[in-house]
Every structure is written in C-alpha cells, then in structure tokens.
Amino acid sequence: MDRDSFKERERAQEEGYFRAQDAKLIEKLREDARLEEIVLALAERLQVDNPELLRRVIALGVTLDTGPAFLLAPLVQVAWAEGKITDRERETVLRLAVARGVEEGSPAYAQLLKWLQERPSDNLFDTAMEVIRGGLALLPPGEREERLKRLVQACHEVAEASGGLAKVLGLGSGVSGEEEAVLEAMTTRLREHREVG
C-alpha cells in the first residue's frame, strides 16, 4: 500500500470513531439518560473532539462525579442573578436537580449545594454553556429545540421561585430585571448552533 492509502484509511478510521462518539452522546440525550451517563458521553466526546475545552472543564475542578452539577450550572446562574439566592430558589434548583437524577448526598448534589452557598465564577458558567451548547448542536433541530425549551423552562422556574410582591399580587411573573437579562443572554447563547470547538 502506498502512503496515500494509509492516510485515507487512517482518516476513515478517525471519522468513524468521531461518528461513534457523536452517536453515543446523541443516544444518551435521546433516551433521557441520567445526567451521569450524559456527562460520561460528553467527556469522551470532548476528550477526542475538543481536548482544550475538556482541560478548561477540569481546571474548574469539575470531575465525572460532579459533572451532573456542571450541566445544571445555568439553573445556579439564574439563582445568583440578583447577587443572592433565596431559600425558594435554592429549593427549586435542588428539586429540579433531583428530578433530573442527581441524588441527594451524591458528589454532584454536594457541588450544587456549594455553588448555591458561594457564587461560582463567570468562567464556570461560560464554560458550562459552551459544553451544553456543543451537546445540543449534535441533535437534530427538533430535538435540540425541545431540549433547549426544557432547559430554559427550568431556568424560568428558578427565576420565578422567589416571586416577590408582583407575583403574589398577580401583577407579574416575579422574574426580576436581572433574572430576565440572564435568561435572555443564556437563551441567545444556547441558540447559537455552533459545534463545540
């Protein structure tokens, strides 16, 4: 075999591997897998497809055990939008986390508790958005839109949790201007359908 044939064969094997990684991640997203399973599939994909982004995630202290919390970072970001977190916002984030398979007492749950006590850096939020956006970019448009809608809906639920007087009086949703700004910026970023990279 000549040199070009070896290169073509190597390229075909590499492309096959990438397709298999993408297919594994898509399947995890489609089957409503537990966040831990999605984290593993995303980590494998990032390791091969975008090792620099994976290094940034690791540098933030995120591990496979705390990865599910990392995928819920947008909820935490909305909770911190006003500079402090109310008890209702904290309870809502934790309830939504449990509903998504994060077990109380797990490392991911402990990480969420820590982030709800002390605000994470903007870098953590930005990196989480980049990873989530990359995972969404793999999905067909209809599924991507459905996942995006569910994530934004969960973020709105956190924003509405503290309510305020306007909500009690039926004069509004109870979402503050700061929360609305975070929600809008987040939705815009997530709708950017670029691949991670």
Protein backbone atom coordinates (compact mmCIF):
# COMPACT_ATOMS: atom_id res chain seq x y z
CA MET A 1 0.00 0.00 0.00
CA ASP A 2 1.22 3.45 -0.75
CA ARG A 3 1.40 6.32 1.70
CA ASP A 4 -1.84 8.00 0.48
CA SER A 5 -3.81 4.80 1.04
CA PHE A 6 -2.58 4.62 4.64
CA LYS A 7 -3.56 8.25 5.21
CA GLU A 8 -7.03 7.67 3.74
CA ARG A 9 -7.51 4.57 5.86
CA GLU A 10 -6.36 6.40 8.98
CA ARG A 11 -8.68 9.33 8.22
CA ALA A 12 -11.63 6.96 7.65
CA GLN A 13 -10.97 5.22 10.97
CA GLU A 14 -10.74 8.57 12.74
CA GLU A 15 -14.00 9.77 11.19
CA GLY A 16 -15.66 6.50 12.17
CA TYR A 17 -14.53 6.98 15.75
CA PHE A 18 -15.90 10.55 15.86
CA ARG A 19 -19.22 9.39 14.42
CA ALA A 20 -19.42 6.64 17.04
CA GLN A 21 -18.74 9.15 19.84
CA ASP A 22 -21.38 11.52 18.49
CA ALA A 23 -23.87 8.67 18.11
CA LYS A 24 -23.25 7.58 21.72
CA LEU A 25 -23.85 11.10 23.00
CA ILE A 26 -26.95 11.57 20.85
CA GLU A 27 -28.36 8.28 22.11
CA LYS A 28 -27.77 9.33 25.73
CA LEU A 29 -29.51 12.64 25.09
CA ARG A 30 -32.40 10.97 23.28
CA GLU A 31 -33.07 8.31 25.90
CA ASP A 32 -33.35 10.85 28.70
CA ALA A 33 -30.41 9.19 30.38
CA ARG A 34 -29.33 10.15 33.84
CA LEU A 35 -27.05 13.17 33.87
CA GLU A 36 -24.13 10.97 34.95
CA GLU A 37 -24.40 8.98 31.71
CA ILE A 38 -24.60 12.14 29.62
CA VAL A 39 -21.53 13.51 31.42
CA LEU A 40 -19.54 10.38 30.56
CA ALA A 41 -20.56 10.57 26.91
CA LEU A 42 -19.77 14.29 26.73
CA ALA A 43 -16.40 13.79 28.40
CA GLU A 44 -15.46 11.08 25.90
CA ARG A 45 -16.50 13.32 23.02
CA LEU A 46 -14.65 16.36 24.37
CA GLN A 47 -11.52 14.33 25.06
CA VAL A 48 -11.27 13.50 21.38
CA ASP A 49 -13.09 16.37 19.73
CA ASN A 50 -12.12 19.34 21.90
CA PRO A 51 -9.42 18.48 24.43
CA GLU A 52 -8.82 22.17 25.18
CA LEU A 53 -12.42 22.63 26.35
CA LEU A 54 -12.13 19.44 28.42
CA ARG A 55 -8.95 20.82 30.04
CA ARG A 56 -10.83 24.03 30.89
CA VAL A 57 -13.63 22.00 32.49
CA ILE A 58 -11.11 20.01 34.55
CA ALA A 59 -9.27 23.20 35.55
CA LEU A 60 -12.55 24.45 37.03
CA GLY A 61 -12.48 21.44 39.37
CA VAL A 62 -15.28 19.58 37.61
CA THR A 63 -14.95 15.79 37.78
CA LEU A 64 -17.03 12.96 36.36
CA ASP A 65 -18.74 12.76 39.76
CA THR A 66 -19.62 16.47 39.84
CA GLY A 67 -20.29 16.70 36.10
CA PRO A 68 -24.07 16.43 36.51
CA ALA A 69 -23.99 19.61 38.61
CA PHE A 70 -21.93 21.27 35.88
CA LEU A 71 -24.71 20.56 33.36
CA LEU A 72 -27.13 22.28 35.77
CA ALA A 73 -24.96 25.39 36.10
CA PRO A 74 -27.47 27.53 34.15
CA LEU A 75 -30.00 26.98 36.97
CA VAL A 76 -27.43 28.13 39.51
CA GLN A 77 -26.55 31.15 37.35
CA VAL A 78 -30.18 32.27 37.25
CA ALA A 79 -30.47 31.80 41.01
CA TRP A 80 -27.47 34.13 41.50
CA ALA A 81 -28.75 36.76 39.03
CA GLU A 82 -29.73 39.20 41.77
CA GLY A 83 -26.50 38.69 43.72
CA LYS A 84 -28.06 36.47 46.37
CA ILE A 85 -30.11 33.28 46.48
CA THR A 86 -33.41 32.96 48.31
CA ASP A 87 -34.42 29.79 50.11
CA ARG A 88 -37.10 29.18 47.48
CA GLU A 89 -34.56 29.48 44.64
CA ARG A 90 -32.22 27.07 46.43
CA GLU A 91 -35.05 24.60 46.99
CA THR A 92 -36.14 24.88 43.34
CA VAL A 93 -32.64 24.26 41.98
CA LEU A 94 -32.21 21.22 44.22
CA ARG A 95 -35.69 19.86 43.40
CA LEU A 96 -35.02 20.21 39.67
CA ALA A 97 -31.62 18.53 40.11
CA VAL A 98 -33.17 15.56 41.90
CA ALA A 99 -35.86 15.33 39.22
CA ARG A 100 -33.03 15.06 36.67
CA GLY A 101 -31.38 12.19 38.52
CA VAL A 102 -28.95 13.96 40.86
CA GLU A 103 -29.22 12.02 44.10
CA GLU A 104 -29.11 13.72 47.48
CA GLY A 105 -25.77 13.01 49.11
CA SER A 106 -24.00 12.47 45.77
CA PRO A 107 -20.90 14.48 44.83
CA ALA A 108 -22.95 16.36 42.21
CA TYR A 109 -25.58 17.30 44.82
CA ALA A 110 -22.83 18.44 47.22
CA GLN A 111 -21.32 20.54 44.42
CA LEU A 112 -24.67 22.21 43.76
CA LEU A 113 -25.02 22.98 47.47
CA LYS A 114 -21.57 24.58 47.44
CA TRP A 115 -22.41 26.68 44.36
CA LEU A 116 -25.67 27.74 45.97
CA GLN A 117 -23.76 28.96 49.04
CA GLU A 118 -20.88 30.63 47.20
CA ARG A 119 -21.32 32.01 43.70
CA PRO A 120 -19.17 30.25 41.10
CA SER A 121 -17.06 32.26 38.69
CA ASP A 122 -18.42 33.58 35.42
CA ASN A 123 -15.83 31.34 33.77
CA LEU A 124 -17.61 28.27 35.16
CA PHE A 125 -20.96 29.48 33.84
CA ASP A 126 -19.49 30.37 30.44
CA THR A 127 -17.71 27.03 30.10
CA ALA A 128 -20.84 25.10 31.12
CA MET A 129 -22.81 26.95 28.45
CA GLU A 130 -20.18 26.07 25.84
CA VAL A 131 -20.32 22.38 26.76
CA ILE A 132 -24.13 22.31 26.82
CA ARG A 133 -24.32 24.15 23.51
CA GLY A 134 -21.93 21.63 21.98
CA GLY A 135 -24.06 18.73 23.14
CA LEU A 136 -27.21 20.37 21.80
CA ALA A 137 -25.53 21.06 18.45
CA LEU A 138 -25.34 17.32 17.80
CA LEU A 139 -29.08 16.85 17.96
CA PRO A 140 -31.46 17.22 15.03
CA PRO A 141 -33.19 20.65 15.09
CA GLY A 142 -36.48 19.40 16.56
CA GLU A 143 -34.84 17.55 19.44
CA ARG A 144 -32.39 20.38 20.02
CA GLU A 145 -35.28 22.84 20.29
CA GLU A 146 -37.16 20.56 22.71
CA ARG A 147 -34.07 20.18 24.96
CA LEU A 148 -33.42 23.90 24.82
CA LYS A 149 -37.03 24.65 25.71
CA ARG A 150 -36.88 22.31 28.72
CA LEU A 151 -33.64 23.88 29.98
CA VAL A 152 -34.97 27.42 29.58
CA GLN A 153 -38.23 26.41 31.25
CA ALA A 154 -36.29 25.04 34.24
CA CYS A 155 -34.29 28.28 34.43
CA HIS A 156 -37.56 30.28 34.37
CA GLU A 157 -38.86 28.11 37.19
CA VAL A 158 -35.82 29.08 39.26
CA ALA A 159 -36.28 32.76 38.37
CA GLU A 160 -39.94 32.68 39.37
CA ALA A 161 -39.24 30.83 42.64
CA SER A 162 -38.60 33.89 44.79
CA GLY A 163 -41.63 35.56 43.22
CA GLY A 164 -41.74 38.81 45.06
CA LEU A 165 -44.72 41.05 45.66
CA ALA A 166 -45.64 41.35 41.96
CA LYS A 167 -46.23 37.60 41.75
CA VAL A 168 -48.20 37.48 44.99
CA LEU A 169 -50.45 40.29 43.77
CA GLY A 170 -50.82 38.68 40.35
CA LEU A 171 -49.14 41.64 38.65
CA GLY A 172 -46.33 39.71 37.01
CA SER A 173 -44.27 36.58 36.95
CA GLY A 174 -42.00 37.67 39.77
CA VAL A 175 -38.95 37.47 37.49
CA SER A 176 -36.65 40.41 38.21
CA GLY A 177 -34.94 42.50 35.57
CA GLU A 178 -31.59 40.93 36.45
CA GLU A 179 -33.02 37.43 36.13
CA GLU A 180 -34.70 38.30 32.84
CA ALA A 181 -31.39 39.62 31.47
CA VAL A 182 -29.57 36.42 32.46
CA LEU A 183 -32.35 34.28 30.95
CA GLU A 184 -32.27 36.22 27.70
CA ALA A 185 -28.47 36.08 27.37
CA MET A 186 -28.48 32.38 28.20
CA THR A 187 -31.17 31.57 25.66
CA THR A 188 -29.35 33.54 22.96
CA ARG A 189 -26.08 31.71 23.65
CA LEU A 190 -27.74 28.32 23.65
CA ARG A 191 -29.44 29.03 20.33
CA GLU A 192 -26.06 29.56 18.68
CA HIS A 193 -25.87 26.26 16.83
CA ARG A 194 -22.13 26.03 16.53
CA GLU A 195 -20.31 22.85 17.38
CA VAL A 196 -18.12 22.94 20.46
CA GLY A 197 -14.71 23.93 19.22
